[in-house]
Amino acid sequence: MSALVSYTTLFASSSFATEPSLMPSNMSVAYQENNRGGSILKALEADTGLRTVPQIYIGGKHIGGATELFDACRDGSMAELLDQSNVSWNTAVETDPYSFLPGWLHAR
């Protein structure tokens, strides 16, 4: 597994919200084609018990979904995991990750 992995589908709006948080780390994003993510969802459920996307792993550690990633970004634990996993990322980014969520979602 790569140091930073985000499992998602094309149909999950919160998945798009995580990309700006992750992209400064030079992460490439690839989407499963054909079965609308069915294989991804089955594998995630087997590993985490969850069938929601995105599910993010840093250094092989399951972080969780979008809001868990945003919380880790806010409390500094994402930075620690990225550093421990030797993932380069932009330490100057100060944007609130929750601002990337779609406007139709209520505040968290």
C-alpha atoms as a PDB file:
ATOM      1  CA  MET A   1       0.000   0.000   0.000  1.00  0.00           C
ATOM      2  CA  SER A   2       1.228   3.520  -0.745  1.00  0.00           C
ATOM      3  CA  ALA A   3       1.960   5.867   2.139  1.00  0.00           C
ATOM      4  CA  LEU A   4      -1.225   7.830   1.408  1.00  0.00           C
ATOM      5  CA  VAL A   5      -4.323   6.190  -0.051  1.00  0.00           C
ATOM      6  CA  SER A   6      -7.871   7.458  -0.472  1.00  0.00           C
ATOM      7  CA  TYR A   7     -10.515   4.956  -1.543  1.00  0.00           C
ATOM      8  CA  THR A   8     -13.487   6.609  -3.178  1.00  0.00           C
ATOM      9  CA  THR A   9     -16.021   6.524  -5.986  1.00  0.00           C
ATOM     10  CA  LEU A  10     -17.048   9.144  -8.531  1.00  0.00           C
ATOM     11  CA  PHE A  11     -20.435   9.508  -6.853  1.00  0.00           C
ATOM     12  CA  ALA A  12     -19.387  10.576  -3.339  1.00  0.00           C
ATOM     13  CA  SER A  13     -19.502  14.350  -2.869  1.00  0.00           C
ATOM     14  CA  SER A  14     -17.444  14.283   0.335  1.00  0.00           C
ATOM     15  CA  SER A  15     -14.724  12.442  -1.576  1.00  0.00           C
ATOM     16  CA  PHE A  16     -14.208  15.513  -3.718  1.00  0.00           C
ATOM     17  CA  ALA A  17     -13.932  17.599  -0.556  1.00  0.00           C
ATOM     18  CA  THR A  18     -10.966  15.543   0.685  1.00  0.00           C
ATOM     19  CA  GLU A  19      -8.925  16.003  -2.470  1.00  0.00           C
ATOM     20  CA  PRO A  20      -7.852  19.619  -1.752  1.00  0.00           C
ATOM     21  CA  SER A  21      -6.671  18.507   1.703  1.00  0.00           C
ATOM     22  CA  LEU A  22      -4.660  15.649   0.246  1.00  0.00           C
ATOM     23  CA  MET A  23      -3.427  17.073  -3.037  1.00  0.00           C
ATOM     24  CA  PRO A  24      -0.725  19.267  -1.437  1.00  0.00           C
ATOM     25  CA  SER A  25       0.961  15.973  -0.510  1.00  0.00           C
ATOM     26  CA  ASN A  26       1.370  15.144  -4.222  1.00  0.00           C
ATOM     27  CA  MET A  27      -1.182  12.366  -4.010  1.00  0.00           C
ATOM     28  CA  SER A  28      -2.499  11.017  -7.264  1.00  0.00           C
ATOM     29  CA  VAL A  29      -6.176  10.140  -7.364  1.00  0.00           C
ATOM     30  CA  ALA A  30      -7.512   7.221  -9.386  1.00  0.00           C
ATOM     31  CA  TYR A  31     -11.091   6.036  -9.623  1.00  0.00           C
ATOM     32  CA  GLN A  32     -12.270   2.482 -10.122  1.00  0.00           C
ATOM     33  CA  GLU A  33     -14.015   2.090 -13.428  1.00  0.00           C
ATOM     34  CA  ASN A  34     -16.953  -0.094 -14.408  1.00  0.00           C
ATOM     35  CA  ASN A  35     -18.827  -1.498 -11.401  1.00  0.00           C
ATOM     36  CA  ARG A  36     -19.407   1.907  -9.752  1.00  0.00           C
ATOM     37  CA  GLY A  37     -17.002   1.151  -6.943  1.00  0.00           C
ATOM     38  CA  GLY A  38     -18.596  -2.125  -5.864  1.00  0.00           C
ATOM     39  CA  SER A  39     -15.239  -3.847  -5.473  1.00  0.00           C
ATOM     40  CA  ILE A  40     -13.864  -0.926  -3.477  1.00  0.00           C
ATOM     41  CA  LEU A  41     -16.880  -0.917  -1.167  1.00  0.00           C
ATOM     42  CA  LYS A  42     -16.636  -4.663  -0.525  1.00  0.00           C
ATOM     43  CA  ALA A  43     -12.929  -4.424   0.293  1.00  0.00           C
ATOM     44  CA  LEU A  44     -13.480  -1.426   2.585  1.00  0.00           C
ATOM     45  CA  GLU A  45     -16.285  -3.181   4.403  1.00  0.00           C
ATOM     46  CA  ALA A  46     -14.075  -6.227   4.943  1.00  0.00           C
ATOM     47  CA  ASP A  47     -11.249  -4.053   6.321  1.00  0.00           C
ATOM     48  CA  THR A  48     -13.142  -1.379   8.279  1.00  0.00           C
ATOM     49  CA  GLY A  49     -16.728  -2.553   8.612  1.00  0.00           C
ATOM     50  CA  LEU A  50     -17.755   0.597   6.703  1.00  0.00           C
ATOM     51  CA  ARG A  51     -19.333   0.939   3.255  1.00  0.00           C
ATOM     52  CA  THR A  52     -18.935   4.686   2.931  1.00  0.00           C
ATOM     53  CA  VAL A  53     -16.364   6.599   0.931  1.00  0.00           C
ATOM     54  CA  PRO A  54     -13.930   8.168   1.060  1.00  0.00           C
ATOM     55  CA  GLN A  55     -11.845   6.067   3.414  1.00  0.00           C
ATOM     56  CA  ILE A  56      -8.331   7.380   3.901  1.00  0.00           C
ATOM     57  CA  TYR A  57      -5.201   5.539   5.009  1.00  0.00           C
ATOM     58  CA  ILE A  58      -1.899   7.186   5.915  1.00  0.00           C
ATOM     59  CA  GLY A  59       1.113   4.964   6.407  1.00  0.00           C
ATOM     60  CA  GLY A  60      -1.156   1.922   6.384  1.00  0.00           C
ATOM     61  CA  LYS A  61      -3.223   3.349   9.276  1.00  0.00           C
ATOM     62  CA  HIS A  62      -6.942   3.798   8.645  1.00  0.00           C
ATOM     63  CA  ILE A  63      -7.826   7.434   9.349  1.00  0.00           C
ATOM     64  CA  GLY A  64     -11.514   7.269   8.458  1.00  0.00           C
ATOM     65  CA  GLY A  65     -13.655   9.324   6.128  1.00  0.00           C
ATOM     66  CA  ALA A  66     -13.734  12.993   5.173  1.00  0.00           C
ATOM     67  CA  THR A  67     -14.624  14.440   8.575  1.00  0.00           C
ATOM     68  CA  GLU A  68     -12.077  12.261  10.377  1.00  0.00           C
ATOM     69  CA  LEU A  69      -9.423  13.460   7.929  1.00  0.00           C
ATOM     70  CA  PHE A  70     -10.475  17.074   8.475  1.00  0.00           C
ATOM     71  CA  ASP A  71     -10.317  16.632  12.256  1.00  0.00           C
ATOM     72  CA  ALA A  72      -6.851  15.049  11.912  1.00  0.00           C
ATOM     73  CA  CYS A  73      -5.828  17.996   9.760  1.00  0.00           C
ATOM     74  CA  ARG A  74      -7.057  20.443  12.407  1.00  0.00           C
ATOM     75  CA  ASP A  75      -5.497  18.687  15.425  1.00  0.00           C
ATOM     76  CA  GLY A  76      -2.134  18.048  13.757  1.00  0.00           C
ATOM     77  CA  SER A  77      -2.297  14.246  13.770  1.00  0.00           C
ATOM     78  CA  MET A  78      -2.489  14.133   9.954  1.00  0.00           C
ATOM     79  CA  ALA A  79       0.756  16.125   9.758  1.00  0.00           C
ATOM     80  CA  GLU A  80       2.443  13.732  12.181  1.00  0.00           C
ATOM     81  CA  LEU A  81       1.349  10.668  10.193  1.00  0.00           C
ATOM     82  CA  LEU A  82       2.415  12.210   6.887  1.00  0.00           C
ATOM     83  CA  ASP A  83       5.831  13.055   8.337  1.00  0.00           C
ATOM     84  CA  GLN A  84       6.234   9.574   9.865  1.00  0.00           C
ATOM     85  CA  SER A  85       5.322   8.053   6.494  1.00  0.00           C
ATOM     86  CA  ASN A  86       7.797  10.280   4.618  1.00  0.00           C
ATOM     87  CA  VAL A  87       5.034  11.870   2.554  1.00  0.00           C
ATOM     88  CA  SER A  88       5.949  15.353   1.343  1.00  0.00           C
ATOM     89  CA  TRP A  89       3.182  17.895   1.780  1.00  0.00           C
ATOM     90  CA  ASN A  90       2.704  21.629   1.845  1.00  0.00           C
ATOM     91  CA  THR A  91       3.086  22.695   5.469  1.00  0.00           C
ATOM     92  CA  ALA A  92       2.098  26.282   4.618  1.00  0.00           C
ATOM     93  CA  VAL A  93      -1.537  25.410   3.839  1.00  0.00           C
ATOM     94  CA  GLU A  94      -3.787  26.966   6.477  1.00  0.00           C
ATOM     95  CA  THR A  95      -7.203  26.544   4.850  1.00  0.00           C
ATOM     96  CA  ASP A  96      -9.918  25.091   7.062  1.00  0.00           C
ATOM     97  CA  PRO A  97     -10.543  21.674   5.495  1.00  0.00           C
ATOM     98  CA  TYR A  98     -14.244  21.854   6.337  1.00  0.00           C
ATOM     99  CA  SER A  99     -14.516  24.725   3.838  1.00  0.00           C
ATOM    100  CA  PHE A 100     -14.025  22.146   1.062  1.00  0.00           C
ATOM    101  CA  LEU A 101     -17.306  20.374   1.830  1.00  0.00           C
ATOM    102  CA  PRO A 102     -20.198  21.049  -0.553  1.00  0.00           C
ATOM    103  CA  GLY A 103     -22.225  24.117   0.380  1.00  0.00           C
ATOM    104  CA  TRP A 104     -25.443  22.131   0.718  1.00  0.00           C
ATOM    105  CA  LEU A 105     -24.102  20.235   3.753  1.00  0.00           C
ATOM    106  CA  HIS A 106     -24.901  21.743   7.122  1.00  0.00           C
ATOM    107  CA  ALA A 107     -22.061  22.997   9.294  1.00  0.00           C
ATOM    108  CA  ARG A 108     -20.180  20.418  11.357  1.00  0.00           C
END
